[in-house]
Amino acid sequence: MTVAPRYNVYTGEPEGGDTPAAARLGLEPPRFCAECARRMIVQVRPDGWSARCSRHGALDSKDLEKR
């Protein structure tokens, strides 16, 4: 069984690289899909953000807060 590679959602590079300072502070929404590294469509709202990958669907900041 092969484990699929994961990607940095802020840079699109393989996981394990540097995360930009603004992202570490929570000021930057994800720009790349963690599963395929494709650029996502991102909508920033006053209460958070939403992002959509053409292959893997939507992700919303409100969903992440509930965890």
PDB file of N, CA and C in Angstrom:
ATOM      1  N   MET A   1       0.838  -1.181   0.000  1.00  0.00           N
ATOM      2  CA  MET A   1       0.000   0.000   0.000  1.00  0.00           C
ATOM      3  C   MET A   1       0.884   1.246   0.000  1.00  0.00           C
ATOM      4  N   THR A   2       0.647   2.139  -0.933  1.00  0.00           N
ATOM      5  CA  THR A   2       1.443   3.352  -1.062  1.00  0.00           C
ATOM      6  C   THR A   2       0.702   4.525  -0.434  1.00  0.00           C
ATOM      7  N   VAL A   3       1.410   5.320   0.342  1.00  0.00           N
ATOM      8  CA  VAL A   3       0.826   6.497   0.965  1.00  0.00           C
ATOM      9  C   VAL A   3       0.935   7.656  -0.025  1.00  0.00           C
ATOM     10  N   ALA A   4      -0.178   8.335  -0.268  1.00  0.00           N
ATOM     11  CA  ALA A   4      -0.188   9.471  -1.188  1.00  0.00           C
ATOM     12  C   ALA A   4       0.615  10.627  -0.586  1.00  0.00           C
ATOM     13  N   PRO A   5       1.381  11.326  -1.406  1.00  0.00           N
ATOM     14  CA  PRO A   5       2.154  12.460  -0.886  1.00  0.00           C
ATOM     15  C   PRO A   5       1.220  13.582  -0.449  1.00  0.00           C
ATOM     16  N   ARG A   6       1.621  14.324   0.556  1.00  0.00           N
ATOM     17  CA  ARG A   6       0.863  15.486   1.025  1.00  0.00           C
ATOM     18  C   ARG A   6       1.660  16.734   0.651  1.00  0.00           C
ATOM     19  N   TYR A   7       0.941  17.822   0.437  1.00  0.00           N
ATOM     20  CA  TYR A   7       1.566  19.059  -0.004  1.00  0.00           C
ATOM     21  C   TYR A   7       1.264  20.194   0.964  1.00  0.00           C
ATOM     22  N   ASN A   8       2.169  21.157   1.014  1.00  0.00           N
ATOM     23  CA  ASN A   8       1.992  22.342   1.841  1.00  0.00           C
ATOM     24  C   ASN A   8       0.882  23.179   1.213  1.00  0.00           C
ATOM     25  N   VAL A   9      -0.162  23.503   1.977  1.00  0.00           N
ATOM     26  CA  VAL A   9      -1.312  24.221   1.436  1.00  0.00           C
ATOM     27  C   VAL A   9      -1.023  25.698   1.157  1.00  0.00           C
ATOM     28  N   TYR A  10       0.117  26.205   1.611  1.00  0.00           N
ATOM     29  CA  TYR A  10       0.470  27.602   1.385  1.00  0.00           C
ATOM     30  C   TYR A  10       1.464  27.781   0.242  1.00  0.00           C
ATOM     31  N   THR A  11       2.260  26.751  -0.054  1.00  0.00           N
ATOM     32  CA  THR A  11       3.282  26.875  -1.093  1.00  0.00           C
ATOM     33  C   THR A  11       3.101  25.898  -2.253  1.00  0.00           C
ATOM     34  N   GLY A  12       2.390  24.792  -2.035  1.00  0.00           N
ATOM     35  CA  GLY A  12       2.213  23.783  -3.068  1.00  0.00           C
ATOM     36  C   GLY A  12       3.378  22.818  -3.183  1.00  0.00           C
ATOM     37  N   GLU A  13       4.386  22.980  -2.351  1.00  0.00           N
ATOM     38  CA  GLU A  13       5.558  22.094  -2.370  1.00  0.00           C
ATOM     39  C   GLU A  13       5.292  20.877  -1.488  1.00  0.00           C
ATOM     40  N   PRO A  14       6.050  19.806  -1.644  1.00  0.00           N
ATOM     41  CA  PRO A  14       5.858  18.632  -0.771  1.00  0.00           C
ATOM     42  C   PRO A  14       5.915  19.042   0.700  1.00  0.00           C
ATOM     43  N   GLU A  15       5.064  18.417   1.508  1.00  0.00           N
ATOM     44  CA  GLU A  15       4.958  18.753   2.924  1.00  0.00           C
ATOM     45  C   GLU A  15       6.306  18.619   3.623  1.00  0.00           C
ATOM     46  N   GLY A  16       6.537  19.486   4.576  1.00  0.00           N
ATOM     47  CA  GLY A  16       7.782  19.462   5.325  1.00  0.00           C
ATOM     48  C   GLY A  16       8.628  20.691   5.081  1.00  0.00           C
ATOM     49  N   GLY A  17       8.270  21.510   4.099  1.00  0.00           N
ATOM     50  CA  GLY A  17       9.015  22.727   3.823  1.00  0.00           C
ATOM     51  C   GLY A  17       8.608  23.852   4.757  1.00  0.00           C
ATOM     52  N   ASP A  18       9.143  25.029   4.505  1.00  0.00           N
ATOM     53  CA  ASP A  18       8.839  26.200   5.327  1.00  0.00           C
ATOM     54  C   ASP A  18       7.414  26.687   5.074  1.00  0.00           C
ATOM     55  N   THR A  19       6.782  27.165   6.129  1.00  0.00           N
ATOM     56  CA  THR A  19       5.466  27.784   6.035  1.00  0.00           C
ATOM     57  C   THR A  19       5.671  29.284   6.164  1.00  0.00           C
ATOM     58  N   PRO A  20       5.074  30.087   5.261  1.00  0.00           N
ATOM     59  CA  PRO A  20       5.239  31.540   5.349  1.00  0.00           C
ATOM     60  C   PRO A  20       4.795  32.084   6.706  1.00  0.00           C
ATOM     61  N   ALA A  21       5.439  33.164   7.137  1.00  0.00           N
ATOM     62  CA  ALA A  21       5.162  33.746   8.458  1.00  0.00           C
ATOM     63  C   ALA A  21       3.698  34.155   8.604  1.00  0.00           C
ATOM     64  N   ALA A  22       3.104  34.747   7.582  1.00  0.00           N
ATOM     65  CA  ALA A  22       1.697  35.173   7.653  1.00  0.00           C
ATOM     66  C   ALA A  22       0.775  33.973   7.861  1.00  0.00           C
ATOM     67  N   ALA A  23       1.108  32.853   7.262  1.00  0.00           N
ATOM     68  CA  ALA A  23       0.303  31.635   7.431  1.00  0.00           C
ATOM     69  C   ALA A  23       0.446  31.088   8.847  1.00  0.00           C
ATOM     70  N   ARG A  24       1.651  31.136   9.394  1.00  0.00           N
ATOM     71  CA  ARG A  24       1.862  30.672  10.769  1.00  0.00           C
ATOM     72  C   ARG A  24       1.061  31.500  11.768  1.00  0.00           C
ATOM     73  N   LEU A  25       0.858  32.774  11.455  1.00  0.00           N
ATOM     74  CA  LEU A  25       0.096  33.664  12.332  1.00  0.00           C
ATOM     75  C   LEU A  25      -1.412  33.538  12.102  1.00  0.00           C
ATOM     76  N   GLY A  26      -1.815  32.762  11.112  1.00  0.00           N
ATOM     77  CA  GLY A  26      -3.233  32.584  10.820  1.00  0.00           C
ATOM     78  C   GLY A  26      -3.827  33.685   9.973  1.00  0.00           C
ATOM     79  N   LEU A  27      -2.980  34.454   9.301  1.00  0.00           N
ATOM     80  CA  LEU A  27      -3.450  35.579   8.497  1.00  0.00           C
ATOM     81  C   LEU A  27      -3.631  35.235   7.023  1.00  0.00           C
ATOM     82  N   GLU A  28      -3.216  34.075   6.610  1.00  0.00           N
ATOM     83  CA  GLU A  28      -3.242  33.689   5.203  1.00  0.00           C
ATOM     84  C   GLU A  28      -4.075  32.421   5.013  1.00  0.00           C
ATOM     85  N   PRO A  29      -5.043  32.424   4.091  1.00  0.00           N
ATOM     86  CA  PRO A  29      -5.794  31.189   3.822  1.00  0.00           C
ATOM     87  C   PRO A  29      -4.960  30.235   2.971  1.00  0.00           C
ATOM     88  N   PRO A  30      -5.304  28.963   2.954  1.00  0.00           N
ATOM     89  CA  PRO A  30      -4.567  28.020   2.106  1.00  0.00           C
ATOM     90  C   PRO A  30      -4.781  28.359   0.637  1.00  0.00           C
ATOM     91  N   ARG A  31      -3.775  28.162  -0.178  1.00  0.00           N
ATOM     92  CA  ARG A  31      -3.856  28.471  -1.610  1.00  0.00           C
ATOM     93  C   ARG A  31      -3.744  27.232  -2.490  1.00  0.00           C
ATOM     94  N   PHE A  32      -3.205  26.136  -1.943  1.00  0.00           N
ATOM     95  CA  PHE A  32      -2.989  24.915  -2.716  1.00  0.00           C
ATOM     96  C   PHE A  32      -3.653  23.734  -2.024  1.00  0.00           C
ATOM     97  N   CYS A  33      -4.120  22.766  -2.800  1.00  0.00           N
ATOM     98  CA  CYS A  33      -4.739  21.558  -2.264  1.00  0.00           C
ATOM     99  C   CYS A  33      -3.667  20.675  -1.617  1.00  0.00           C
ATOM    100  N   ALA A  34      -3.945  20.174  -0.421  1.00  0.00           N
ATOM    101  CA  ALA A  34      -2.989  19.317   0.296  1.00  0.00           C
ATOM    102  C   ALA A  34      -2.861  17.945  -0.360  1.00  0.00           C
ATOM    103  N   GLU A  35      -3.854  17.525  -1.143  1.00  0.00           N
ATOM    104  CA  GLU A  35      -3.832  16.201  -1.753  1.00  0.00           C
ATOM    105  C   GLU A  35      -3.178  16.169  -3.132  1.00  0.00           C
ATOM    106  N   CYS A  36      -3.319  17.265  -3.912  1.00  0.00           N
ATOM    107  CA  CYS A  36      -2.793  17.225  -5.286  1.00  0.00           C
ATOM    108  C   CYS A  36      -1.932  18.429  -5.655  1.00  0.00           C
ATOM    109  N   ALA A  37      -1.814  19.420  -4.789  1.00  0.00           N
ATOM    110  CA  ALA A  37      -1.013  20.629  -4.977  1.00  0.00           C
ATOM    111  C   ALA A  37      -1.542  21.537  -6.078  1.00  0.00           C
ATOM    112  N   ARG A  38      -2.787  21.328  -6.519  1.00  0.00           N
ATOM    113  CA  ARG A  38      -3.385  22.241  -7.491  1.00  0.00           C
ATOM    114  C   ARG A  38      -3.758  23.537  -6.789  1.00  0.00           C
ATOM    115  N   ARG A  39      -3.702  24.624  -7.538  1.00  0.00           N
ATOM    116  CA  ARG A  39      -4.102  25.924  -7.017  1.00  0.00           C
ATOM    117  C   ARG A  39      -5.609  25.903  -6.771  1.00  0.00           C
ATOM    118  N   MET A  40      -6.044  26.367  -5.605  1.00  0.00           N
ATOM    119  CA  MET A  40      -7.466  26.373  -5.266  1.00  0.00           C
ATOM    120  C   MET A  40      -8.069  27.756  -5.501  1.00  0.00           C
ATOM    121  N   ILE A  41      -9.389  27.767  -5.694  1.00  0.00           N
ATOM    122  CA  ILE A  41     -10.137  29.016  -5.765  1.00  0.00           C
ATOM    123  C   ILE A  41     -10.441  29.407  -4.332  1.00  0.00           C
ATOM    124  N   VAL A  42      -9.978  30.589  -3.906  1.00  0.00           N
ATOM    125  CA  VAL A  42     -10.114  31.020  -2.507  1.00  0.00           C
ATOM    126  C   VAL A  42     -10.965  32.270  -2.441  1.00  0.00           C
ATOM    127  N   GLN A  43     -11.923  32.258  -1.523  1.00  0.00           N
ATOM    128  CA  GLN A  43     -12.765  33.423  -1.255  1.00  0.00           C
ATOM    129  C   GLN A  43     -12.562  33.828   0.197  1.00  0.00           C
ATOM    130  N   VAL A  44     -12.088  35.047   0.409  1.00  0.00           N
ATOM    131  CA  VAL A  44     -11.873  35.548   1.760  1.00  0.00           C
ATOM    132  C   VAL A  44     -13.107  36.362   2.159  1.00  0.00           C
ATOM    133  N   ARG A  45     -13.641  36.044   3.347  1.00  0.00           N
ATOM    134  CA  ARG A  45     -14.822  36.719   3.876  1.00  0.00           C
ATOM    135  C   ARG A  45     -14.441  37.414   5.182  1.00  0.00           C
ATOM    136  N   PRO A  46     -15.280  38.323   5.662  1.00  0.00           N
ATOM    137  CA  PRO A  46     -14.984  38.966   6.959  1.00  0.00           C
ATOM    138  C   PRO A  46     -14.894  37.967   8.117  1.00  0.00           C
ATOM    139  N   ASP A  47     -15.635  36.856   8.025  1.00  0.00           N
ATOM    140  CA  ASP A  47     -15.637  35.884   9.115  1.00  0.00           C
ATOM    141  C   ASP A  47     -14.769  34.658   8.850  1.00  0.00           C
ATOM    142  N   GLY A  48     -13.960  34.674   7.806  1.00  0.00           N
ATOM    143  CA  GLY A  48     -13.087  33.538   7.497  1.00  0.00           C
ATOM    144  C   GLY A  48     -12.793  33.424   6.014  1.00  0.00           C
ATOM    145  N   TRP A  49     -12.713  32.194   5.519  1.00  0.00           N
ATOM    146  CA  TRP A  49     -12.411  31.952   4.107  1.00  0.00           C
ATOM    147  C   TRP A  49     -13.015  30.622   3.673  1.00  0.00           C
ATOM    148  N   SER A  50     -13.124  30.456   2.349  1.00  0.00           N
ATOM    149  CA  SER A  50     -13.505  29.166   1.776  1.00  0.00           C
ATOM    150  C   SER A  50     -12.579  28.924   0.590  1.00  0.00           C
ATOM    151  N   ALA A  51     -12.260  27.668   0.366  1.00  0.00           N
ATOM    152  CA  ALA A  51     -11.357  27.297  -0.726  1.00  0.00           C
ATOM    153  C   ALA A  51     -11.922  26.065  -1.419  1.00  0.00           C
ATOM    154  N   ARG A  52     -11.733  25.993  -2.753  1.00  0.00           N
ATOM    155  CA  ARG A  52     -12.270  24.858  -3.503  1.00  0.00           C
ATOM    156  C   ARG A  52     -11.228  24.348  -4.490  1.00  0.00           C
ATOM    157  N   CYS A  53     -10.973  23.038  -4.408  1.00  0.00           N
ATOM    158  CA  CYS A  53     -10.099  22.347  -5.353  1.00  0.00           C
ATOM    159  C   CYS A  53     -10.994  21.742  -6.434  1.00  0.00           C
ATOM    160  N   SER A  54     -10.593  21.833  -7.672  1.00  0.00           N
ATOM    161  CA  SER A  54     -11.402  21.289  -8.765  1.00  0.00           C
ATOM    162  C   SER A  54     -11.501  19.765  -8.706  1.00  0.00           C
ATOM    163  N   ARG A  55     -10.586  19.117  -8.009  1.00  0.00           N
ATOM    164  CA  ARG A  55     -10.588  17.654  -7.907  1.00  0.00           C
ATOM    165  C   ARG A  55     -11.091  17.119  -6.566  1.00  0.00           C
ATOM    166  N   HIS A  56     -10.841  17.859  -5.481  1.00  0.00           N
ATOM    167  CA  HIS A  56     -11.101  17.314  -4.147  1.00  0.00           C
ATOM    168  C   HIS A  56     -12.159  18.055  -3.345  1.00  0.00           C
ATOM    169  N   GLY A  57     -12.795  19.047  -3.917  1.00  0.00           N
ATOM    170  CA  GLY A  57     -13.915  19.704  -3.249  1.00  0.00           C
ATOM    171  C   GLY A  57     -13.561  20.902  -2.403  1.00  0.00           C
ATOM    172  N   ALA A  58     -14.502  21.251  -1.529  1.00  0.00           N
ATOM    173  CA  ALA A  58     -14.426  22.498  -0.770  1.00  0.00           C
ATOM    174  C   ALA A  58     -13.894  22.305   0.645  1.00  0.00           C
ATOM    175  N   LEU A  59     -13.332  23.392   1.163  1.00  0.00           N
ATOM    176  CA  LEU A  59     -12.817  23.459   2.524  1.00  0.00           C
ATOM    177  C   LEU A  59     -13.193  24.845   3.044  1.00  0.00           C
ATOM    178  N   ASP A  60     -13.668  24.918   4.279  1.00  0.00           N
ATOM    179  CA  ASP A  60     -14.099  26.193   4.845  1.00  0.00           C
ATOM    180  C   ASP A  60     -13.461  26.386   6.213  1.00  0.00           C
ATOM    181  N   SER A  61     -13.082  27.603   6.516  1.00  0.00           N
ATOM    182  CA  SER A  61     -12.446  27.878   7.812  1.00  0.00           C
ATOM    183  C   SER A  61     -13.389  27.570   8.969  1.00  0.00           C
ATOM    184  N   LYS A  62     -14.687  27.720   8.778  1.00  0.00           N
ATOM    185  CA  LYS A  62     -15.651  27.400   9.840  1.00  0.00           C
ATOM    186  C   LYS A  62     -15.629  25.916  10.178  1.00  0.00           C
ATOM    187  N   ASP A  63     -15.421  25.070   9.172  1.00  0.00           N
ATOM    188  CA  ASP A  63     -15.342  23.631   9.410  1.00  0.00           C
ATOM    189  C   ASP A  63     -14.127  23.274  10.252  1.00  0.00           C
ATOM    190  N   LEU A  64     -13.035  23.974  10.059  1.00  0.00           N
ATOM    191  CA  LEU A  64     -11.802  23.689  10.801  1.00  0.00           C
ATOM    192  C   LEU A  64     -11.906  24.145  12.258  1.00  0.00           C
ATOM    193  N   GLU A  65     -12.694  25.174  12.527  1.00  0.00           N
ATOM    194  CA  GLU A  65     -12.840  25.690  13.884  1.00  0.00           C
ATOM    195  C   GLU A  65     -13.602  24.723  14.783  1.00  0.00           C
ATOM    196  N   LYS A  66     -14.462  23.891  14.211  1.00  0.00           N
ATOM    197  CA  LYS A  66     -15.293  22.975  14.992  1.00  0.00           C
ATOM    198  C   LYS A  66     -14.521  21.796  15.545  1.00  0.00           C
ATOM    199  N   ARG A  67     -13.327  21.549  15.068  1.00  0.00           N
ATOM    200  CA  ARG A  67     -12.530  20.398  15.493  1.00  0.00           C
ATOM    201  C   ARG A  67     -11.943  20.593  16.849  1.00  0.00           C
TER     202      ARG A  67
END
